[in-house]
Amino acid sequence: MILDKNGKIGGKINIIDIAVILLIVVVAVGIVVRYKSNITAAVESDKLFEYEVRVSTVREYTVKALEKKGKITDRKSEKALGEIVDVQVGDALFQSTTATGEVIETTLPDRYTCNVTIQARGKESDDGYIMNDTTELSVGRSIDIFSKYVRTSGEIISVKVIE
């Protein structure tokens, strides 16, 4: 028989020891599978991106601060997110419903919508775009914009590789 009177296999290792070792191996494999990133697969590094962020319903002060351009960072990580290269300004629009149930679109007084074009270096993969600080760029993602002149946030509306 393989087990001795103390329940050890060959007198050296216990069945509970084997169960603990198997549990550790299963947990380690689970962690590797869970946190393995698909984005980092097939990565082409050092690409120049241009992404556009829509900043809605801001005051004239924020518009002027954005128009000063400059380098921007993320509020949380304080790492570079690129440099503002262009700002397109339009009226801020608001949808409202009339008493008859008709939906109309009106402009908000003293409020503006800015489309801010930002250039930055990062990586391109089959699944998306990644900034050098591991910030993922994807359409629809909210992003904080912090510069020497302005602190605001907006939604990414387009991303493209230009180099």
C-alpha atoms as a PDB file:
ATOM      1  CA  MET A   1       0.000   0.000   0.000  1.00  0.00           C
ATOM      2  CA  ILE A   2       1.230   3.546  -0.825  1.00  0.00           C
ATOM      3  CA  LEU A   3      -0.034   5.193   2.393  1.00  0.00           C
ATOM      4  CA  ASP A   4       1.634   4.421   5.698  1.00  0.00           C
ATOM      5  CA  LYS A   5      -0.093   4.399   9.131  1.00  0.00           C
ATOM      6  CA  ASN A   6       0.329   8.223   9.504  1.00  0.00           C
ATOM      7  CA  GLY A   7      -1.387   8.906   6.155  1.00  0.00           C
ATOM      8  CA  LYS A   8       1.804   9.890   4.351  1.00  0.00           C
ATOM      9  CA  ILE A   9       2.660   8.765   0.858  1.00  0.00           C
ATOM     10  CA  GLY A  10       5.947   6.874   0.933  1.00  0.00           C
ATOM     11  CA  GLY A  11       6.474   8.157   4.480  1.00  0.00           C
ATOM     12  CA  LYS A  12       7.366  11.692   3.255  1.00  0.00           C
ATOM     13  CA  ILE A  13       4.369  13.665   1.925  1.00  0.00           C
ATOM     14  CA  ASN A  14       0.810  13.950   3.201  1.00  0.00           C
ATOM     15  CA  ILE A  15      -2.371  13.980   1.074  1.00  0.00           C
ATOM     16  CA  ILE A  16      -3.210  17.396   2.540  1.00  0.00           C
ATOM     17  CA  ASP A  17       0.236  18.631   1.408  1.00  0.00           C
ATOM     18  CA  ILE A  18      -0.588  17.535  -2.152  1.00  0.00           C
ATOM     19  CA  ALA A  19      -3.981  19.269  -1.982  1.00  0.00           C
ATOM     20  CA  VAL A  20      -2.356  22.533  -0.803  1.00  0.00           C
ATOM     21  CA  ILE A  21       0.279  22.394  -3.573  1.00  0.00           C
ATOM     22  CA  LEU A  22      -2.419  21.765  -6.200  1.00  0.00           C
ATOM     23  CA  LEU A  23      -4.476  24.648  -4.826  1.00  0.00           C
ATOM     24  CA  ILE A  24      -1.478  27.012  -5.060  1.00  0.00           C
ATOM     25  CA  VAL A  25      -0.801  25.925  -8.657  1.00  0.00           C
ATOM     26  CA  VAL A  26      -4.474  26.418  -9.635  1.00  0.00           C
ATOM     27  CA  VAL A  27      -4.567  29.896  -8.043  1.00  0.00           C
ATOM     28  CA  ALA A  28      -1.308  30.912  -9.779  1.00  0.00           C
ATOM     29  CA  VAL A  29      -2.627  29.765 -13.171  1.00  0.00           C
ATOM     30  CA  GLY A  30      -5.907  31.605 -12.529  1.00  0.00           C
ATOM     31  CA  ILE A  31      -4.078  34.842 -11.743  1.00  0.00           C
ATOM     32  CA  VAL A  32      -1.967  34.591 -14.890  1.00  0.00           C
ATOM     33  CA  VAL A  33      -5.023  33.927 -17.070  1.00  0.00           C
ATOM     34  CA  ARG A  34      -7.088  36.697 -15.419  1.00  0.00           C
ATOM     35  CA  TYR A  35      -4.503  39.469 -15.633  1.00  0.00           C
ATOM     36  CA  LYS A  36      -2.877  38.615 -18.928  1.00  0.00           C
ATOM     37  CA  SER A  37      -3.663  41.628 -21.128  1.00  0.00           C
ATOM     38  CA  ASN A  38      -4.782  41.121 -24.693  1.00  0.00           C
ATOM     39  CA  ILE A  39      -3.975  44.752 -25.469  1.00  0.00           C
ATOM     40  CA  THR A  40      -0.267  44.217 -24.965  1.00  0.00           C
ATOM     41  CA  ALA A  41      -0.241  41.420 -27.541  1.00  0.00           C
ATOM     42  CA  ALA A  42       1.073  42.406 -30.970  1.00  0.00           C
ATOM     43  CA  VAL A  43       2.039  45.903 -29.831  1.00  0.00           C
ATOM     44  CA  GLU A  44       3.659  48.345 -32.211  1.00  0.00           C
ATOM     45  CA  SER A  45       5.431  50.919 -30.084  1.00  0.00           C
ATOM     46  CA  ASP A  46       6.238  54.602 -30.438  1.00  0.00           C
ATOM     47  CA  LYS A  47       3.365  55.760 -32.630  1.00  0.00           C
ATOM     48  CA  LEU A  48       2.113  59.348 -32.829  1.00  0.00           C
ATOM     49  CA  PHE A  49      -1.620  59.534 -32.092  1.00  0.00           C
ATOM     50  CA  GLU A  50      -4.089  62.299 -32.585  1.00  0.00           C
ATOM     51  CA  TYR A  51      -7.216  62.071 -30.521  1.00  0.00           C
ATOM     52  CA  GLU A  52     -10.129  64.446 -30.203  1.00  0.00           C
ATOM     53  CA  VAL A  53     -11.889  65.187 -26.933  1.00  0.00           C
ATOM     54  CA  ARG A  54     -15.275  66.906 -26.730  1.00  0.00           C
ATOM     55  CA  VAL A  55     -15.538  69.222 -23.744  1.00  0.00           C
ATOM     56  CA  SER A  56     -19.169  70.277 -23.337  1.00  0.00           C
ATOM     57  CA  THR A  57     -20.963  73.241 -21.771  1.00  0.00           C
ATOM     58  CA  VAL A  58     -17.944  75.248 -20.632  1.00  0.00           C
ATOM     59  CA  ARG A  59     -17.637  78.964 -19.956  1.00  0.00           C
ATOM     60  CA  GLU A  60     -15.639  81.418 -22.057  1.00  0.00           C
ATOM     61  CA  TYR A  61     -12.861  81.331 -19.457  1.00  0.00           C
ATOM     62  CA  THR A  62     -12.307  77.604 -20.080  1.00  0.00           C
ATOM     63  CA  VAL A  63     -12.407  78.128 -23.860  1.00  0.00           C
ATOM     64  CA  LYS A  64      -9.668  80.764 -23.653  1.00  0.00           C
ATOM     65  CA  ALA A  65      -7.586  78.548 -21.377  1.00  0.00           C
ATOM     66  CA  LEU A  66      -7.891  75.623 -23.817  1.00  0.00           C
ATOM     67  CA  GLU A  67      -6.910  77.901 -26.713  1.00  0.00           C
ATOM     68  CA  LYS A  68      -3.595  78.629 -24.964  1.00  0.00           C
ATOM     69  CA  LYS A  69      -2.796  74.996 -25.798  1.00  0.00           C
ATOM     70  CA  GLY A  70       0.227  73.361 -24.117  1.00  0.00           C
ATOM     71  CA  LYS A  71       0.987  70.003 -22.561  1.00  0.00           C
ATOM     72  CA  ILE A  72      -1.730  68.156 -20.653  1.00  0.00           C
ATOM     73  CA  THR A  73      -1.699  65.534 -17.922  1.00  0.00           C
ATOM     74  CA  ASP A  74      -4.165  63.238 -16.220  1.00  0.00           C
ATOM     75  CA  ARG A  75      -5.325  64.430 -12.806  1.00  0.00           C
ATOM     76  CA  LYS A  76      -4.939  61.012 -11.201  1.00  0.00           C
ATOM     77  CA  SER A  77      -1.586  59.863 -12.547  1.00  0.00           C
ATOM     78  CA  GLU A  78      -0.064  63.270 -13.387  1.00  0.00           C
ATOM     79  CA  LYS A  79       1.560  61.626 -16.405  1.00  0.00           C
ATOM     80  CA  ALA A  80       1.683  63.269 -19.822  1.00  0.00           C
ATOM     81  CA  LEU A  81      -1.352  62.740 -22.039  1.00  0.00           C
ATOM     82  CA  GLY A  82      -0.014  64.781 -24.945  1.00  0.00           C
ATOM     83  CA  GLU A  83      -0.168  68.317 -26.211  1.00  0.00           C
ATOM     84  CA  ILE A  84      -3.156  70.348 -27.394  1.00  0.00           C
ATOM     85  CA  VAL A  85      -2.670  71.231 -31.071  1.00  0.00           C
ATOM     86  CA  ASP A  86      -6.110  72.579 -32.025  1.00  0.00           C
ATOM     87  CA  VAL A  87      -9.348  73.753 -30.419  1.00  0.00           C
ATOM     88  CA  GLN A  88     -12.632  74.095 -32.355  1.00  0.00           C
ATOM     89  CA  VAL A  89     -15.303  76.073 -30.498  1.00  0.00           C
ATOM     90  CA  GLY A  90     -19.056  75.883 -31.037  1.00  0.00           C
ATOM     91  CA  ASP A  91     -22.229  76.759 -29.181  1.00  0.00           C
ATOM     92  CA  ALA A  92     -23.364  74.455 -26.413  1.00  0.00           C
ATOM     93  CA  LEU A  93     -26.628  72.806 -27.427  1.00  0.00           C
ATOM     94  CA  PHE A  94     -29.411  71.699 -25.128  1.00  0.00           C
ATOM     95  CA  GLN A  95     -32.433  69.529 -25.928  1.00  0.00           C
ATOM     96  CA  SER A  96     -35.687  70.377 -24.259  1.00  0.00           C
ATOM     97  CA  THR A  97     -39.313  69.298 -24.603  1.00  0.00           C
ATOM     98  CA  THR A  98     -42.112  71.778 -25.229  1.00  0.00           C
ATOM     99  CA  ALA A  99     -45.550  71.628 -23.630  1.00  0.00           C
ATOM    100  CA  THR A 100     -46.835  69.851 -26.748  1.00  0.00           C
ATOM    101  CA  GLY A 101     -44.195  67.109 -26.442  1.00  0.00           C
ATOM    102  CA  GLU A 102     -42.005  68.371 -29.276  1.00  0.00           C
ATOM    103  CA  VAL A 103     -38.238  68.023 -28.726  1.00  0.00           C
ATOM    104  CA  ILE A 104     -36.333  71.152 -29.678  1.00  0.00           C
ATOM    105  CA  GLU A 105     -32.639  71.928 -29.624  1.00  0.00           C
ATOM    106  CA  THR A 106     -31.569  75.320 -28.294  1.00  0.00           C
ATOM    107  CA  THR A 107     -28.262  76.944 -27.474  1.00  0.00           C
ATOM    108  CA  LEU A 108     -27.228  77.545 -23.908  1.00  0.00           C
ATOM    109  CA  PRO A 109     -26.333  81.182 -23.336  1.00  0.00           C
ATOM    110  CA  ASP A 110     -22.701  81.876 -22.404  1.00  0.00           C
ATOM    111  CA  ARG A 111     -21.766  78.190 -22.744  1.00  0.00           C
ATOM    112  CA  TYR A 112     -19.629  76.514 -25.394  1.00  0.00           C
ATOM    113  CA  THR A 113     -18.625  73.071 -26.648  1.00  0.00           C
ATOM    114  CA  CYS A 114     -14.964  72.584 -27.582  1.00  0.00           C
ATOM    115  CA  ASN A 115     -13.458  69.834 -29.706  1.00  0.00           C
ATOM    116  CA  VAL A 116      -9.873  69.638 -28.481  1.00  0.00           C
ATOM    117  CA  THR A 117      -7.329  67.888 -30.726  1.00  0.00           C
ATOM    118  CA  ILE A 118      -4.425  66.349 -28.796  1.00  0.00           C
ATOM    119  CA  GLN A 119      -1.270  64.703 -30.115  1.00  0.00           C
ATOM    120  CA  ALA A 120       0.590  62.133 -28.019  1.00  0.00           C
ATOM    121  CA  ARG A 121       2.992  59.212 -28.335  1.00  0.00           C
ATOM    122  CA  GLY A 122       1.889  55.709 -27.457  1.00  0.00           C
ATOM    123  CA  LYS A 123       1.430  52.154 -28.620  1.00  0.00           C
ATOM    124  CA  GLU A 124      -0.961  50.536 -31.047  1.00  0.00           C
ATOM    125  CA  SER A 125      -2.195  46.974 -30.721  1.00  0.00           C
ATOM    126  CA  ASP A 126      -4.818  44.841 -32.401  1.00  0.00           C
ATOM    127  CA  ASP A 127      -7.267  45.751 -29.629  1.00  0.00           C
ATOM    128  CA  GLY A 128      -6.669  49.485 -29.180  1.00  0.00           C
ATOM    129  CA  TYR A 129      -4.368  52.355 -28.410  1.00  0.00           C
ATOM    130  CA  ILE A 130      -2.308  52.764 -25.253  1.00  0.00           C
ATOM    131  CA  MET A 131      -0.508  55.862 -24.005  1.00  0.00           C
ATOM    132  CA  ASN A 132       3.002  55.446 -22.619  1.00  0.00           C
ATOM    133  CA  ASP A 133       1.618  55.648 -19.069  1.00  0.00           C
ATOM    134  CA  THR A 134      -0.785  52.742 -19.836  1.00  0.00           C
ATOM    135  CA  THR A 135      -3.844  54.995 -20.268  1.00  0.00           C
ATOM    136  CA  GLU A 136      -6.103  53.364 -22.843  1.00  0.00           C
ATOM    137  CA  LEU A 137      -7.492  55.608 -25.574  1.00  0.00           C
ATOM    138  CA  SER A 138     -10.908  54.546 -26.812  1.00  0.00           C
ATOM    139  CA  VAL A 139     -13.897  56.382 -28.227  1.00  0.00           C
ATOM    140  CA  GLY A 140     -16.496  57.104 -25.553  1.00  0.00           C
ATOM    141  CA  ARG A 141     -14.013  57.089 -22.662  1.00  0.00           C
ATOM    142  CA  SER A 142     -14.049  60.085 -20.320  1.00  0.00           C
ATOM    143  CA  ILE A 143     -10.698  61.734 -19.806  1.00  0.00           C
ATOM    144  CA  ASP A 144      -9.513  64.459 -17.430  1.00  0.00           C
ATOM    145  CA  ILE A 145      -7.519  67.291 -18.982  1.00  0.00           C
ATOM    146  CA  PHE A 146      -5.136  69.188 -16.748  1.00  0.00           C
ATOM    147  CA  SER A 147      -2.715  71.794 -18.043  1.00  0.00           C
ATOM    148  CA  LYS A 148      -0.993  74.891 -16.803  1.00  0.00           C
ATOM    149  CA  TYR A 149      -4.086  76.892 -17.766  1.00  0.00           C
ATOM    150  CA  VAL A 150      -7.120  74.637 -17.447  1.00  0.00           C
ATOM    151  CA  ARG A 151      -8.662  71.749 -15.526  1.00  0.00           C
ATOM    152  CA  THR A 152     -11.620  70.075 -17.169  1.00  0.00           C
ATOM    153  CA  SER A 153     -12.813  66.764 -18.555  1.00  0.00           C
ATOM    154  CA  GLY A 154     -14.362  65.493 -21.737  1.00  0.00           C
ATOM    155  CA  GLU A 155     -15.208  62.484 -23.851  1.00  0.00           C
ATOM    156  CA  ILE A 156     -12.919  61.020 -26.494  1.00  0.00           C
ATOM    157  CA  ILE A 157     -14.747  61.191 -29.850  1.00  0.00           C
ATOM    158  CA  SER A 158     -12.006  59.977 -32.203  1.00  0.00           C
ATOM    159  CA  VAL A 159      -8.538  58.370 -32.169  1.00  0.00           C
ATOM    160  CA  LYS A 160      -6.196  57.901 -35.108  1.00  0.00           C
ATOM    161  CA  VAL A 161      -2.550  57.145 -35.789  1.00  0.00           C
ATOM    162  CA  ILE A 162      -0.839  59.923 -37.747  1.00  0.00           C
ATOM    163  CA  GLU A 163       2.733  58.584 -37.871  1.00  0.00           C
END
